[in-house]
Amino acid sequence: MAVLSKKDGFSDCPEFLINFLAYELSIRNLSPRTVDGYAVDLRTFFRFLRSTRDQSFSDVPLEEIPIKDLTFDFVRDISKKDVYEFMYYLTKERSNSARTRARKLCSVKAFFRYYVNKQNLLEQNPAIDVDSPSLKKSLPKYLSLEECLELLQHIETEFTERDYCIITFFLNCGMRLSELVGINLTDFKENTVRILGKGNKERTVYLTGACIDALDHYLKERNALSNLKDRNALFVSKRTGKRLSPRRVEQIVGQCLAQAGLSGKGYSPHKLRHTAATLMYRSGQADMLALQEILGHANVSTTQIYTHISRSQLDQAVNASPLAKVKQKKDKEM
């Protein structure tokens, strides 16, 4: 397995961890962000185990405990009991939420699964039967139709045409932030755009009339820029001519939300994706399978979170009953 270079930010990791991260990045095609998350979680896991096994590290802050010199013999000695103690530590000492604990357990399981199933260096996965913390199902946060219209009507920035196009794509196509940032001019064909989603999986998204109109207006301004560096990138900086970063798009969305009086409500690019999916579903024209394809979900069970119903819809449904207006007759006066 090829070892990641130091510039990848894993120079403090032991070789067995780097090999796992390289596999997830290059063979499984997971996103760099996901692999970075694995690295963070597993660093914490191995530092915790070292602190419990070696008394010389008992008083050292966890983040300062070195793990680069660990050998694979350290991994072979890990038991299910160690995994349970790690989960207890995350709960009591670090006060991690159930969602955070579940994510870290997922990282640990993936690591051992790799060495059991792919490298055959371990006979069993000590974390395989450890139950993940139960998570409360919460409805996705999204903008109302009125808020969407308010947002679109108040976009006035240093590059209004670009930023209007960004918001329109989010609200109409339900793209992920990374997907929008990665769009190239060569990805467009007639009224569709090719999207590169999670795990480098491609899908085709159809553009609405609003998207095509916003795109046409933006491209006229983009093509007039004299400093284009990333010539194939769709969304570029007006100042540098380079492809916009995910962080810059987050800032642009935040600025547009603030102009529309929608800041402080927890809205973000991902919430715009939730909004697009919710509005599509409520239109009655998109079933679960169509929505799954549009959003790029691997499983339809993920898509089903968008079947949530608003309070007003529940109220309308209840009052639609033919018995809703039947009232008790008053007693006749004596």
C-alpha atoms as a PDB file:
ATOM      1  CA  MET A   1       0.000   0.000   0.000  1.00  0.00           C
ATOM      2  CA  ALA A   2       1.374   3.407  -0.962  1.00  0.00           C
ATOM      3  CA  VAL A   3       2.101   5.627   1.998  1.00  0.00           C
ATOM      4  CA  LEU A   4       0.675   9.135   2.110  1.00  0.00           C
ATOM      5  CA  SER A   5       3.214  11.943   2.028  1.00  0.00           C
ATOM      6  CA  LYS A   6       3.909  14.256   4.938  1.00  0.00           C
ATOM      7  CA  LYS A   7       2.151  17.108   3.187  1.00  0.00           C
ATOM      8  CA  ASP A   8      -1.111  15.204   3.603  1.00  0.00           C
ATOM      9  CA  GLY A   9      -0.964  16.066   7.295  1.00  0.00           C
ATOM     10  CA  PHE A  10      -0.477  12.549   8.643  1.00  0.00           C
ATOM     11  CA  SER A  11       3.226  12.713   9.502  1.00  0.00           C
ATOM     12  CA  ASP A  12       2.453  12.143  13.205  1.00  0.00           C
ATOM     13  CA  CYS A  13       0.606   8.876  12.476  1.00  0.00           C
ATOM     14  CA  PRO A  14       2.069   5.358  12.721  1.00  0.00           C
ATOM     15  CA  GLU A  15       2.591   3.478   9.475  1.00  0.00           C
ATOM     16  CA  PHE A  16      -0.335   1.093  10.014  1.00  0.00           C
ATOM     17  CA  LEU A  17      -2.703   4.060  10.346  1.00  0.00           C
ATOM     18  CA  ILE A  18      -1.286   5.823   7.289  1.00  0.00           C
ATOM     19  CA  ASN A  19      -1.754   2.668   5.213  1.00  0.00           C
ATOM     20  CA  PHE A  20      -5.415   2.485   6.231  1.00  0.00           C
ATOM     21  CA  LEU A  21      -5.966   6.163   5.394  1.00  0.00           C
ATOM     22  CA  ALA A  22      -4.251   5.718   2.019  1.00  0.00           C
ATOM     23  CA  TYR A  23      -6.555   2.805   1.217  1.00  0.00           C
ATOM     24  CA  GLU A  24      -9.679   4.784   2.092  1.00  0.00           C
ATOM     25  CA  LEU A  25      -8.505   7.731   0.010  1.00  0.00           C
ATOM     26  CA  SER A  26      -7.087   6.025  -3.077  1.00  0.00           C
ATOM     27  CA  ILE A  27      -8.928   2.703  -3.331  1.00  0.00           C
ATOM     28  CA  ARG A  28     -12.324   3.422  -1.797  1.00  0.00           C
ATOM     29  CA  ASN A  29     -12.270   6.969  -3.225  1.00  0.00           C
ATOM     30  CA  LEU A  30     -13.540   8.559  -0.029  1.00  0.00           C
ATOM     31  CA  SER A  31     -13.319  12.322   0.072  1.00  0.00           C
ATOM     32  CA  PRO A  32     -10.268  13.961   1.714  1.00  0.00           C
ATOM     33  CA  ARG A  33     -12.621  15.435   4.297  1.00  0.00           C
ATOM     34  CA  THR A  34     -13.899  11.991   5.284  1.00  0.00           C
ATOM     35  CA  VAL A  35     -10.372  10.578   5.498  1.00  0.00           C
ATOM     36  CA  ASP A  36      -9.283  13.542   7.610  1.00  0.00           C
ATOM     37  CA  GLY A  37     -12.158  12.718   9.953  1.00  0.00           C
ATOM     38  CA  TYR A  38     -10.969   9.109  10.215  1.00  0.00           C
ATOM     39  CA  ALA A  39      -7.469  10.369  11.043  1.00  0.00           C
ATOM     40  CA  VAL A  40      -8.724  12.646  13.815  1.00  0.00           C
ATOM     41  CA  ASP A  41     -10.890   9.936  15.385  1.00  0.00           C
ATOM     42  CA  LEU A  42      -8.233   7.224  15.230  1.00  0.00           C
ATOM     43  CA  ARG A  43      -5.507   9.485  16.601  1.00  0.00           C
ATOM     44  CA  THR A  44      -7.747  10.018  19.625  1.00  0.00           C
ATOM     45  CA  PHE A  45      -8.403   6.279  19.893  1.00  0.00           C
ATOM     46  CA  PHE A  46      -4.722   5.248  19.857  1.00  0.00           C
ATOM     47  CA  ARG A  47      -3.647   8.089  22.138  1.00  0.00           C
ATOM     48  CA  PHE A  48      -6.290   7.053  24.651  1.00  0.00           C
ATOM     49  CA  LEU A  49      -5.154   3.422  24.559  1.00  0.00           C
ATOM     50  CA  ARG A  50      -1.533   4.425  24.984  1.00  0.00           C
ATOM     51  CA  SER A  51      -2.385   6.585  27.974  1.00  0.00           C
ATOM     52  CA  THR A  52      -4.095   3.619  29.660  1.00  0.00           C
ATOM     53  CA  ARG A  53      -1.296   1.150  28.887  1.00  0.00           C
ATOM     54  CA  ASP A  54       1.747   3.286  29.606  1.00  0.00           C
ATOM     55  CA  GLN A  55       1.783   5.044  32.981  1.00  0.00           C
ATOM     56  CA  SER A  56       4.437   7.495  31.783  1.00  0.00           C
ATOM     57  CA  PHE A  57       1.717   9.164  29.691  1.00  0.00           C
ATOM     58  CA  SER A  58      -0.939   9.232  32.408  1.00  0.00           C
ATOM     59  CA  ASP A  59      -0.397  12.943  33.137  1.00  0.00           C
ATOM     60  CA  VAL A  60       0.263  14.017  29.558  1.00  0.00           C
ATOM     61  CA  PRO A  61      -2.589  15.837  27.748  1.00  0.00           C
ATOM     62  CA  LEU A  62      -4.154  13.413  25.287  1.00  0.00           C
ATOM     63  CA  GLU A  63      -3.409  15.630  22.270  1.00  0.00           C
ATOM     64  CA  GLU A  64       0.306  15.568  23.123  1.00  0.00           C
ATOM     65  CA  ILE A  65       0.711  11.805  23.429  1.00  0.00           C
ATOM     66  CA  PRO A  66       2.876  10.556  20.527  1.00  0.00           C
ATOM     67  CA  ILE A  67       1.694   7.594  18.496  1.00  0.00           C
ATOM     68  CA  LYS A  68       4.015   7.649  15.476  1.00  0.00           C
ATOM     69  CA  ASP A  69       6.326   4.997  16.977  1.00  0.00           C
ATOM     70  CA  LEU A  70       3.529   2.477  17.610  1.00  0.00           C
ATOM     71  CA  THR A  71       3.889  -0.871  15.852  1.00  0.00           C
ATOM     72  CA  PHE A  72       1.206  -3.237  14.645  1.00  0.00           C
ATOM     73  CA  ASP A  73       1.723  -5.375  17.754  1.00  0.00           C
ATOM     74  CA  PHE A  74      -0.030  -2.548  19.594  1.00  0.00           C
ATOM     75  CA  VAL A  75      -3.065  -3.099  17.362  1.00  0.00           C
ATOM     76  CA  ARG A  76      -3.042  -6.878  17.832  1.00  0.00           C
ATOM     77  CA  ASP A  77      -3.438  -6.405  21.589  1.00  0.00           C
ATOM     78  CA  ILE A  78      -6.595  -4.295  21.320  1.00  0.00           C
ATOM     79  CA  SER A  79      -9.679  -6.034  22.709  1.00  0.00           C
ATOM     80  CA  LYS A  80     -13.394  -5.377  22.779  1.00  0.00           C
ATOM     81  CA  LYS A  81     -12.931  -4.212  26.361  1.00  0.00           C
ATOM     82  CA  ASP A  82     -10.578  -1.492  25.113  1.00  0.00           C
ATOM     83  CA  VAL A  83     -13.198  -0.279  22.655  1.00  0.00           C
ATOM     84  CA  TYR A  84     -15.848  -0.139  25.369  1.00  0.00           C
ATOM     85  CA  GLU A  85     -13.484   1.801  27.642  1.00  0.00           C
ATOM     86  CA  PHE A  86     -12.811   4.244  24.814  1.00  0.00           C
ATOM     87  CA  MET A  87     -16.544   4.822  24.332  1.00  0.00           C
ATOM     88  CA  TYR A  88     -16.968   5.348  28.078  1.00  0.00           C
ATOM     89  CA  TYR A  89     -14.076   7.836  28.037  1.00  0.00           C
ATOM     90  CA  LEU A  90     -15.700   9.787  25.188  1.00  0.00           C
ATOM     91  CA  THR A  91     -18.922   9.983  27.183  1.00  0.00           C
ATOM     92  CA  LYS A  92     -17.652  10.801  30.673  1.00  0.00           C
ATOM     93  CA  GLU A  93     -14.371  12.619  30.102  1.00  0.00           C
ATOM     94  CA  ARG A  94     -14.919  14.396  26.794  1.00  0.00           C
ATOM     95  CA  SER A  95     -18.718  14.789  26.999  1.00  0.00           C
ATOM     96  CA  ASN A  96     -19.048  13.856  23.332  1.00  0.00           C
ATOM     97  CA  SER A  97     -22.572  13.784  21.953  1.00  0.00           C
ATOM     98  CA  ALA A  98     -24.138  10.517  20.847  1.00  0.00           C
ATOM     99  CA  ARG A  99     -23.638  11.525  17.215  1.00  0.00           C
ATOM    100  CA  THR A 100     -19.933  12.249  17.764  1.00  0.00           C
ATOM    101  CA  ARG A 101     -19.430   8.967  19.615  1.00  0.00           C
ATOM    102  CA  ALA A 102     -21.199   7.081  16.846  1.00  0.00           C
ATOM    103  CA  ARG A 103     -18.930   8.661  14.247  1.00  0.00           C
ATOM    104  CA  LYS A 104     -15.772   7.770  16.164  1.00  0.00           C
ATOM    105  CA  LEU A 105     -16.933   4.204  16.658  1.00  0.00           C
ATOM    106  CA  CYS A 106     -17.584   4.005  12.917  1.00  0.00           C
ATOM    107  CA  SER A 107     -13.964   5.094  12.301  1.00  0.00           C
ATOM    108  CA  VAL A 108     -12.642   2.438  14.683  1.00  0.00           C
ATOM    109  CA  LYS A 109     -14.761  -0.270  13.050  1.00  0.00           C
ATOM    110  CA  ALA A 110     -13.594   0.743   9.572  1.00  0.00           C
ATOM    111  CA  PHE A 111      -9.955   0.569  10.664  1.00  0.00           C
ATOM    112  CA  PHE A 112     -10.258  -2.958  12.039  1.00  0.00           C
ATOM    113  CA  ARG A 113     -12.404  -4.072   9.104  1.00  0.00           C
ATOM    114  CA  TYR A 114      -9.572  -3.081   6.778  1.00  0.00           C
ATOM    115  CA  TYR A 115      -6.994  -5.150   8.655  1.00  0.00           C
ATOM    116  CA  VAL A 116      -9.325  -8.143   9.001  1.00  0.00           C
ATOM    117  CA  ASN A 117     -10.858  -8.256   5.516  1.00  0.00           C
ATOM    118  CA  LYS A 118      -8.316  -6.535   3.266  1.00  0.00           C
ATOM    119  CA  GLN A 119      -4.926  -7.174   4.839  1.00  0.00           C
ATOM    120  CA  ASN A 120      -5.729 -10.403   6.716  1.00  0.00           C
ATOM    121  CA  LEU A 121      -3.441  -9.330   9.531  1.00  0.00           C
ATOM    122  CA  LEU A 122      -6.133  -9.715  12.190  1.00  0.00           C
ATOM    123  CA  GLU A 123      -8.444 -12.646  12.769  1.00  0.00           C
ATOM    124  CA  GLN A 124     -11.322 -10.653  14.188  1.00  0.00           C
ATOM    125  CA  ASN A 125     -12.609  -7.132  14.543  1.00  0.00           C
ATOM    126  CA  PRO A 126     -12.818  -6.297  18.274  1.00  0.00           C
ATOM    127  CA  ALA A 127     -15.302  -3.499  17.564  1.00  0.00           C
ATOM    128  CA  ILE A 128     -17.664  -5.435  15.309  1.00  0.00           C
ATOM    129  CA  ASP A 129     -20.270  -6.210  17.994  1.00  0.00           C
ATOM    130  CA  VAL A 130     -20.022  -2.898  19.846  1.00  0.00           C
ATOM    131  CA  ASP A 131     -23.371  -1.162  19.460  1.00  0.00           C
ATOM    132  CA  SER A 132     -23.429   2.387  18.199  1.00  0.00           C
ATOM    133  CA  PRO A 133     -25.066   4.994  20.479  1.00  0.00           C
ATOM    134  CA  SER A 134     -28.723   5.438  19.574  1.00  0.00           C
ATOM    135  CA  LEU A 135     -29.397   8.714  17.797  1.00  0.00           C
ATOM    136  CA  LYS A 136     -32.496  10.846  18.030  1.00  0.00           C
ATOM    137  CA  LYS A 137     -34.042  11.338  14.628  1.00  0.00           C
ATOM    138  CA  SER A 138     -34.344  15.052  13.928  1.00  0.00           C
ATOM    139  CA  LEU A 139     -36.091  16.716  11.044  1.00  0.00           C
ATOM    140  CA  PRO A 140     -33.775  18.474   8.591  1.00  0.00           C
ATOM    141  CA  LYS A 141     -33.731  22.253   8.852  1.00  0.00           C
ATOM    142  CA  TYR A 142     -34.857  24.055   5.728  1.00  0.00           C
ATOM    143  CA  LEU A 143     -36.073  27.397   4.408  1.00  0.00           C
ATOM    144  CA  SER A 144     -39.737  28.011   3.759  1.00  0.00           C
ATOM    145  CA  LEU A 145     -40.829  28.944   0.243  1.00  0.00           C
ATOM    146  CA  GLU A 146     -41.304  32.530   1.408  1.00  0.00           C
ATOM    147  CA  GLU A 147     -37.772  32.619   2.812  1.00  0.00           C
ATOM    148  CA  CYS A 148     -36.381  31.232  -0.455  1.00  0.00           C
ATOM    149  CA  LEU A 149     -38.060  34.004  -2.430  1.00  0.00           C
ATOM    150  CA  GLU A 150     -36.821  36.582   0.061  1.00  0.00           C
ATOM    151  CA  LEU A 151     -33.292  35.243  -0.280  1.00  0.00           C
ATOM    152  CA  LEU A 152     -33.316  35.324  -4.075  1.00  0.00           C
ATOM    153  CA  GLN A 153     -34.682  38.853  -4.113  1.00  0.00           C
ATOM    154  CA  HIS A 154     -31.944  40.287  -1.875  1.00  0.00           C
ATOM    155  CA  ILE A 155     -28.707  39.071  -3.474  1.00  0.00           C
ATOM    156  CA  GLU A 156     -26.514  42.082  -4.081  1.00  0.00           C
ATOM    157  CA  THR A 157     -22.787  41.415  -3.715  1.00  0.00           C
ATOM    158  CA  GLU A 158     -19.495  42.284  -5.382  1.00  0.00           C
ATOM    159  CA  PHE A 159     -20.296  39.583  -7.958  1.00  0.00           C
ATOM    160  CA  THR A 160     -24.078  39.431  -7.907  1.00  0.00           C
ATOM    161  CA  GLU A 161     -24.518  37.302 -11.040  1.00  0.00           C
ATOM    162  CA  ARG A 162     -22.203  34.586  -9.709  1.00  0.00           C
ATOM    163  CA  ASP A 163     -23.664  34.535  -6.239  1.00  0.00           C
ATOM    164  CA  TYR A 164     -27.239  34.522  -7.536  1.00  0.00           C
ATOM    165  CA  CYS A 165     -26.310  31.523  -9.688  1.00  0.00           C
ATOM    166  CA  ILE A 166     -24.774  29.739  -6.680  1.00  0.00           C
ATOM    167  CA  ILE A 167     -27.899  30.210  -4.546  1.00  0.00           C
ATOM    168  CA  THR A 168     -30.137  29.190  -7.459  1.00  0.00           C
ATOM    169  CA  PHE A 169     -28.173  25.978  -8.035  1.00  0.00           C
ATOM    170  CA  PHE A 170     -28.364  25.074  -4.350  1.00  0.00           C
ATOM    171  CA  LEU A 171     -32.114  25.738  -4.109  1.00  0.00           C
ATOM    172  CA  ASN A 172     -33.045  24.060  -7.406  1.00  0.00           C
ATOM    173  CA  CYS A 173     -30.643  21.126  -7.694  1.00  0.00           C
ATOM    174  CA  GLY A 174     -29.972  20.094  -4.090  1.00  0.00           C
ATOM    175  CA  MET A 175     -26.225  19.914  -4.648  1.00  0.00           C
ATOM    176  CA  ARG A 176     -23.707  19.312  -1.901  1.00  0.00           C
ATOM    177  CA  LEU A 177     -21.200  22.106  -1.262  1.00  0.00           C
ATOM    178  CA  SER A 178     -18.283  20.039  -2.574  1.00  0.00           C
ATOM    179  CA  GLU A 179     -20.277  19.134  -5.679  1.00  0.00           C
ATOM    180  CA  LEU A 180     -21.087  22.727  -6.539  1.00  0.00           C
ATOM    181  CA  VAL A 181     -17.505  23.887  -6.029  1.00  0.00           C
ATOM    182  CA  GLY A 182     -16.199  21.102  -8.274  1.00  0.00           C
ATOM    183  CA  ILE A 183     -18.369  21.878 -11.318  1.00  0.00           C
ATOM    184  CA  ASN A 184     -16.433  22.533 -14.543  1.00  0.00           C
ATOM    185  CA  LEU A 185     -17.622  24.205 -17.735  1.00  0.00           C
ATOM    186  CA  THR A 186     -17.116  20.907 -19.556  1.00  0.00           C
ATOM    187  CA  ASP A 187     -19.649  19.225 -17.232  1.00  0.00           C
ATOM    188  CA  PHE A 188     -22.603  20.897 -18.963  1.00  0.00           C
ATOM    189  CA  LYS A 189     -24.496  19.228 -21.791  1.00  0.00           C
ATOM    190  CA  GLU A 190     -27.671  20.832 -23.096  1.00  0.00           C
ATOM    191  CA  ASN A 191     -29.876  21.301 -20.014  1.00  0.00           C
ATOM    192  CA  THR A 192     -27.940  18.970 -17.695  1.00  0.00           C
ATOM    193  CA  VAL A 193     -24.799  19.085 -15.580  1.00  0.00           C
ATOM    194  CA  ARG A 194     -22.583  16.173 -14.590  1.00  0.00           C
ATOM    195  CA  ILE A 195     -21.973  16.074 -10.848  1.00  0.00           C
ATOM    196  CA  LEU A 196     -19.137  14.280  -9.089  1.00  0.00           C
ATOM    197  CA  GLY A 197     -20.526  13.184  -5.744  1.00  0.00           C
ATOM    198  CA  LYS A 198     -19.375  11.176  -2.752  1.00  0.00           C
ATOM    199  CA  GLY A 199     -16.958   8.368  -3.542  1.00  0.00           C
ATOM    200  CA  ASN A 200     -16.337   9.914  -6.983  1.00  0.00           C
ATOM    201  CA  LYS A 201     -19.749   8.679  -8.115  1.00  0.00           C
ATOM    202  CA  GLU A 202     -21.077  10.577 -11.112  1.00  0.00           C
ATOM    203  CA  ARG A 203     -24.684  11.538 -11.673  1.00  0.00           C
ATOM    204  CA  THR A 204     -26.534  13.786 -14.078  1.00  0.00           C
ATOM    205  CA  VAL A 205     -28.695  16.616 -12.759  1.00  0.00           C
ATOM    206  CA  TYR A 206     -31.255  18.368 -14.938  1.00  0.00           C
ATOM    207  CA  LEU A 207     -31.221  22.158 -14.792  1.00  0.00           C
ATOM    208  CA  THR A 208     -34.428  24.107 -14.265  1.00  0.00           C
ATOM    209  CA  GLY A 209     -35.292  27.193 -16.280  1.00  0.00           C
ATOM    210  CA  ALA A 210     -34.225  29.301 -13.305  1.00  0.00           C
ATOM    211  CA  CYS A 211     -30.815  27.601 -13.266  1.00  0.00           C
ATOM    212  CA  ILE A 212     -30.280  28.055 -17.002  1.00  0.00           C
ATOM    213  CA  ASP A 213     -31.264  31.731 -16.838  1.00  0.00           C
ATOM    214  CA  ALA A 214     -28.981  32.399 -13.837  1.00  0.00           C
ATOM    215  CA  LEU A 215     -26.148  30.494 -15.506  1.00  0.00           C
ATOM    216  CA  ASP A 216     -26.453  32.484 -18.748  1.00  0.00           C
ATOM    217  CA  HIS A 217     -26.276  35.789 -16.890  1.00  0.00           C
ATOM    218  CA  TYR A 218     -23.306  34.659 -14.826  1.00  0.00           C
ATOM    219  CA  LEU A 219     -21.311  33.241 -17.750  1.00  0.00           C
ATOM    220  CA  LYS A 220     -21.515  36.574 -19.585  1.00  0.00           C
ATOM    221  CA  GLU A 221     -19.853  38.265 -16.610  1.00  0.00           C
ATOM    222  CA  ARG A 222     -17.429  35.402 -15.995  1.00  0.00           C
ATOM    223  CA  ASN A 223     -16.219  35.387 -19.595  1.00  0.00           C
ATOM    224  CA  ALA A 224     -15.490  39.096 -19.358  1.00  0.00           C
ATOM    225  CA  LEU A 225     -12.987  38.584 -16.522  1.00  0.00           C
ATOM    226  CA  SER A 226      -9.424  39.378 -17.588  1.00  0.00           C
ATOM    227  CA  ASN A 227      -7.659  37.411 -14.846  1.00  0.00           C
ATOM    228  CA  LEU A 228      -9.065  33.887 -15.250  1.00  0.00           C
ATOM    229  CA  LYS A 229      -6.646  31.291 -13.858  1.00  0.00           C
ATOM    230  CA  ASP A 230      -8.836  28.177 -13.507  1.00  0.00           C
ATOM    231  CA  ARG A 231     -10.404  28.487 -16.950  1.00  0.00           C
ATOM    232  CA  ASN A 232     -12.482  25.321 -16.687  1.00  0.00           C
ATOM    233  CA  ALA A 233     -13.864  26.030 -13.200  1.00  0.00           C
ATOM    234  CA  LEU A 234     -17.466  27.242 -13.217  1.00  0.00           C
ATOM    235  CA  PHE A 235     -17.446  29.343 -10.067  1.00  0.00           C
ATOM    236  CA  VAL A 236     -14.360  31.549  -9.795  1.00  0.00           C
ATOM    237  CA  SER A 237     -13.149  34.445  -7.698  1.00  0.00           C
ATOM    238  CA  LYS A 238     -13.573  37.859  -9.299  1.00  0.00           C
ATOM    239  CA  ARG A 239     -10.374  38.998  -7.612  1.00  0.00           C
ATOM    240  CA  THR A 240      -8.039  36.056  -8.314  1.00  0.00           C
ATOM    241  CA  GLY A 241      -9.702  34.243 -11.206  1.00  0.00           C
ATOM    242  CA  LYS A 242      -9.282  30.953  -9.357  1.00  0.00           C
ATOM    243  CA  ARG A 243     -11.896  28.324  -8.433  1.00  0.00           C
ATOM    244  CA  LEU A 244     -13.877  29.235  -5.332  1.00  0.00           C
ATOM    245  CA  SER A 245     -13.068  27.203  -2.231  1.00  0.00           C
ATOM    246  CA  PRO A 246     -15.815  25.541  -0.165  1.00  0.00           C
ATOM    247  CA  ARG A 247     -15.105  27.975   2.661  1.00  0.00           C
ATOM    248  CA  ARG A 248     -15.533  30.969   0.347  1.00  0.00           C
ATOM    249  CA  VAL A 249     -18.887  29.650  -0.881  1.00  0.00           C
ATOM    250  CA  GLU A 250     -19.995  29.245   2.746  1.00  0.00           C
ATOM    251  CA  GLN A 251     -19.105  32.906   3.301  1.00  0.00           C
ATOM    252  CA  ILE A 252     -21.013  33.965   0.187  1.00  0.00           C
ATOM    253  CA  VAL A 253     -24.113  32.052   1.281  1.00  0.00           C
ATOM    254  CA  GLY A 254     -23.832  33.596   4.749  1.00  0.00           C
ATOM    255  CA  GLN A 255     -23.605  37.087   3.255  1.00  0.00           C
ATOM    256  CA  CYS A 256     -26.649  36.519   1.047  1.00  0.00           C
ATOM    257  CA  LEU A 257     -28.658  35.155   3.971  1.00  0.00           C
ATOM    258  CA  ALA A 258     -27.742  38.190   6.064  1.00  0.00           C
ATOM    259  CA  GLN A 259     -28.867  40.565   3.307  1.00  0.00           C
ATOM    260  CA  ALA A 260     -32.230  38.814   3.258  1.00  0.00           C
ATOM    261  CA  GLY A 261     -32.587  39.058   7.032  1.00  0.00           C
ATOM    262  CA  LEU A 262     -32.147  35.308   7.440  1.00  0.00           C
ATOM    263  CA  SER A 263     -28.905  35.160   9.406  1.00  0.00           C
ATOM    264  CA  GLY A 264     -28.810  33.608  12.870  1.00  0.00           C
ATOM    265  CA  LYS A 265     -31.259  30.852  11.934  1.00  0.00           C
ATOM    266  CA  GLY A 266     -28.693  28.114  11.412  1.00  0.00           C
ATOM    267  CA  TYR A 267     -28.997  28.139   7.626  1.00  0.00           C
ATOM    268  CA  SER A 268     -26.009  27.024   5.543  1.00  0.00           C
ATOM    269  CA  PRO A 269     -25.237  25.556   2.093  1.00  0.00           C
ATOM    270  CA  HIS A 270     -26.277  22.141   3.373  1.00  0.00           C
ATOM    271  CA  LYS A 271     -29.564  23.567   4.646  1.00  0.00           C
ATOM    272  CA  LEU A 272     -30.169  24.935   1.139  1.00  0.00           C
ATOM    273  CA  ARG A 273     -29.730  21.359  -0.102  1.00  0.00           C
ATOM    274  CA  HIS A 274     -32.326  20.245   2.465  1.00  0.00           C
ATOM    275  CA  THR A 275     -34.593  23.017   1.226  1.00  0.00           C
ATOM    276  CA  ALA A 276     -34.339  21.922  -2.411  1.00  0.00           C
ATOM    277  CA  ALA A 277     -35.166  18.329  -1.502  1.00  0.00           C
ATOM    278  CA  THR A 278     -38.078  19.343   0.709  1.00  0.00           C
ATOM    279  CA  LEU A 279     -39.643  21.609  -1.916  1.00  0.00           C
ATOM    280  CA  MET A 280     -39.245  18.955  -4.618  1.00  0.00           C
ATOM    281  CA  TYR A 281     -40.942  16.333  -2.473  1.00  0.00           C
ATOM    282  CA  ARG A 282     -43.795  18.599  -1.419  1.00  0.00           C
ATOM    283  CA  SER A 283     -44.504  19.515  -5.021  1.00  0.00           C
ATOM    284  CA  GLY A 284     -45.877  16.003  -5.417  1.00  0.00           C
ATOM    285  CA  GLN A 285     -43.895  15.545  -8.639  1.00  0.00           C
ATOM    286  CA  ALA A 286     -40.834  13.796  -7.133  1.00  0.00           C
ATOM    287  CA  ASP A 287     -41.103  10.344  -5.592  1.00  0.00           C
ATOM    288  CA  MET A 288     -38.476   8.775  -3.353  1.00  0.00           C
ATOM    289  CA  LEU A 289     -36.528   7.074  -6.152  1.00  0.00           C
ATOM    290  CA  ALA A 290     -36.370  10.232  -8.256  1.00  0.00           C
ATOM    291  CA  LEU A 291     -35.296  12.273  -5.249  1.00  0.00           C
ATOM    292  CA  GLN A 292     -32.662   9.685  -4.361  1.00  0.00           C
ATOM    293  CA  GLU A 293     -31.172   9.985  -7.851  1.00  0.00           C
ATOM    294  CA  ILE A 294     -31.235  13.797  -7.823  1.00  0.00           C
ATOM    295  CA  LEU A 295     -29.544  14.027  -4.420  1.00  0.00           C
ATOM    296  CA  GLY A 296     -27.027  11.267  -5.075  1.00  0.00           C
ATOM    297  CA  HIS A 297     -27.973   9.149  -2.061  1.00  0.00           C
ATOM    298  CA  ALA A 298     -26.635   5.600  -2.012  1.00  0.00           C
ATOM    299  CA  ASN A 299     -29.691   4.349  -0.101  1.00  0.00           C
ATOM    300  CA  VAL A 300     -33.297   5.462  -0.334  1.00  0.00           C
ATOM    301  CA  SER A 301     -33.505   5.275   3.465  1.00  0.00           C
ATOM    302  CA  THR A 302     -31.335   8.409   3.573  1.00  0.00           C
ATOM    303  CA  THR A 303     -33.732  10.188   1.237  1.00  0.00           C
ATOM    304  CA  GLN A 304     -36.733   9.397   3.417  1.00  0.00           C
ATOM    305  CA  ILE A 305     -35.849  12.141   5.897  1.00  0.00           C
ATOM    306  CA  TYR A 306     -37.366  14.545   3.364  1.00  0.00           C
ATOM    307  CA  THR A 307     -40.829  13.064   3.737  1.00  0.00           C
ATOM    308  CA  HIS A 308     -41.365  15.151   6.872  1.00  0.00           C
ATOM    309  CA  ILE A 309     -44.646  17.047   6.927  1.00  0.00           C
ATOM    310  CA  SER A 310     -45.147  20.589   8.165  1.00  0.00           C
ATOM    311  CA  ARG A 311     -47.478  21.480  10.985  1.00  0.00           C
ATOM    312  CA  SER A 312     -49.741  23.329   8.568  1.00  0.00           C
ATOM    313  CA  GLN A 313     -50.075  20.213   6.424  1.00  0.00           C
ATOM    314  CA  LEU A 314     -50.971  18.143   9.479  1.00  0.00           C
ATOM    315  CA  ASP A 315     -53.556  20.740  10.462  1.00  0.00           C
ATOM    316  CA  GLN A 316     -55.046  20.723   6.966  1.00  0.00           C
ATOM    317  CA  ALA A 317     -55.139  16.931   6.903  1.00  0.00           C
ATOM    318  CA  VAL A 318     -56.980  16.687  10.211  1.00  0.00           C
ATOM    319  CA  ASN A 319     -59.485  19.390   9.290  1.00  0.00           C
ATOM    320  CA  ALA A 320     -60.166  17.744   5.929  1.00  0.00           C
ATOM    321  CA  SER A 321     -62.199  15.076   7.728  1.00  0.00           C
ATOM    322  CA  PRO A 322     -65.946  15.329   7.044  1.00  0.00           C
ATOM    323  CA  LEU A 323     -66.466  15.121  10.800  1.00  0.00           C
ATOM    324  CA  ALA A 324     -64.180  18.056  11.557  1.00  0.00           C
ATOM    325  CA  LYS A 325     -67.032  20.561  11.828  1.00  0.00           C
ATOM    326  CA  VAL A 326     -69.647  18.388  13.514  1.00  0.00           C
ATOM    327  CA  LYS A 327     -70.469  19.871  16.907  1.00  0.00           C
ATOM    328  CA  GLN A 328     -72.519  18.661  19.810  1.00  0.00           C
ATOM    329  CA  LYS A 329     -76.096  19.887  19.804  1.00  0.00           C
ATOM    330  CA  LYS A 330     -77.031  22.040  22.772  1.00  0.00           C
ATOM    331  CA  ASP A 331     -79.643  20.759  25.159  1.00  0.00           C
ATOM    332  CA  LYS A 332     -83.102  22.209  24.636  1.00  0.00           C
ATOM    333  CA  GLU A 333     -84.013  24.861  27.142  1.00  0.00           C
ATOM    334  CA  MET A 334     -86.261  23.582  29.885  1.00  0.00           C
END
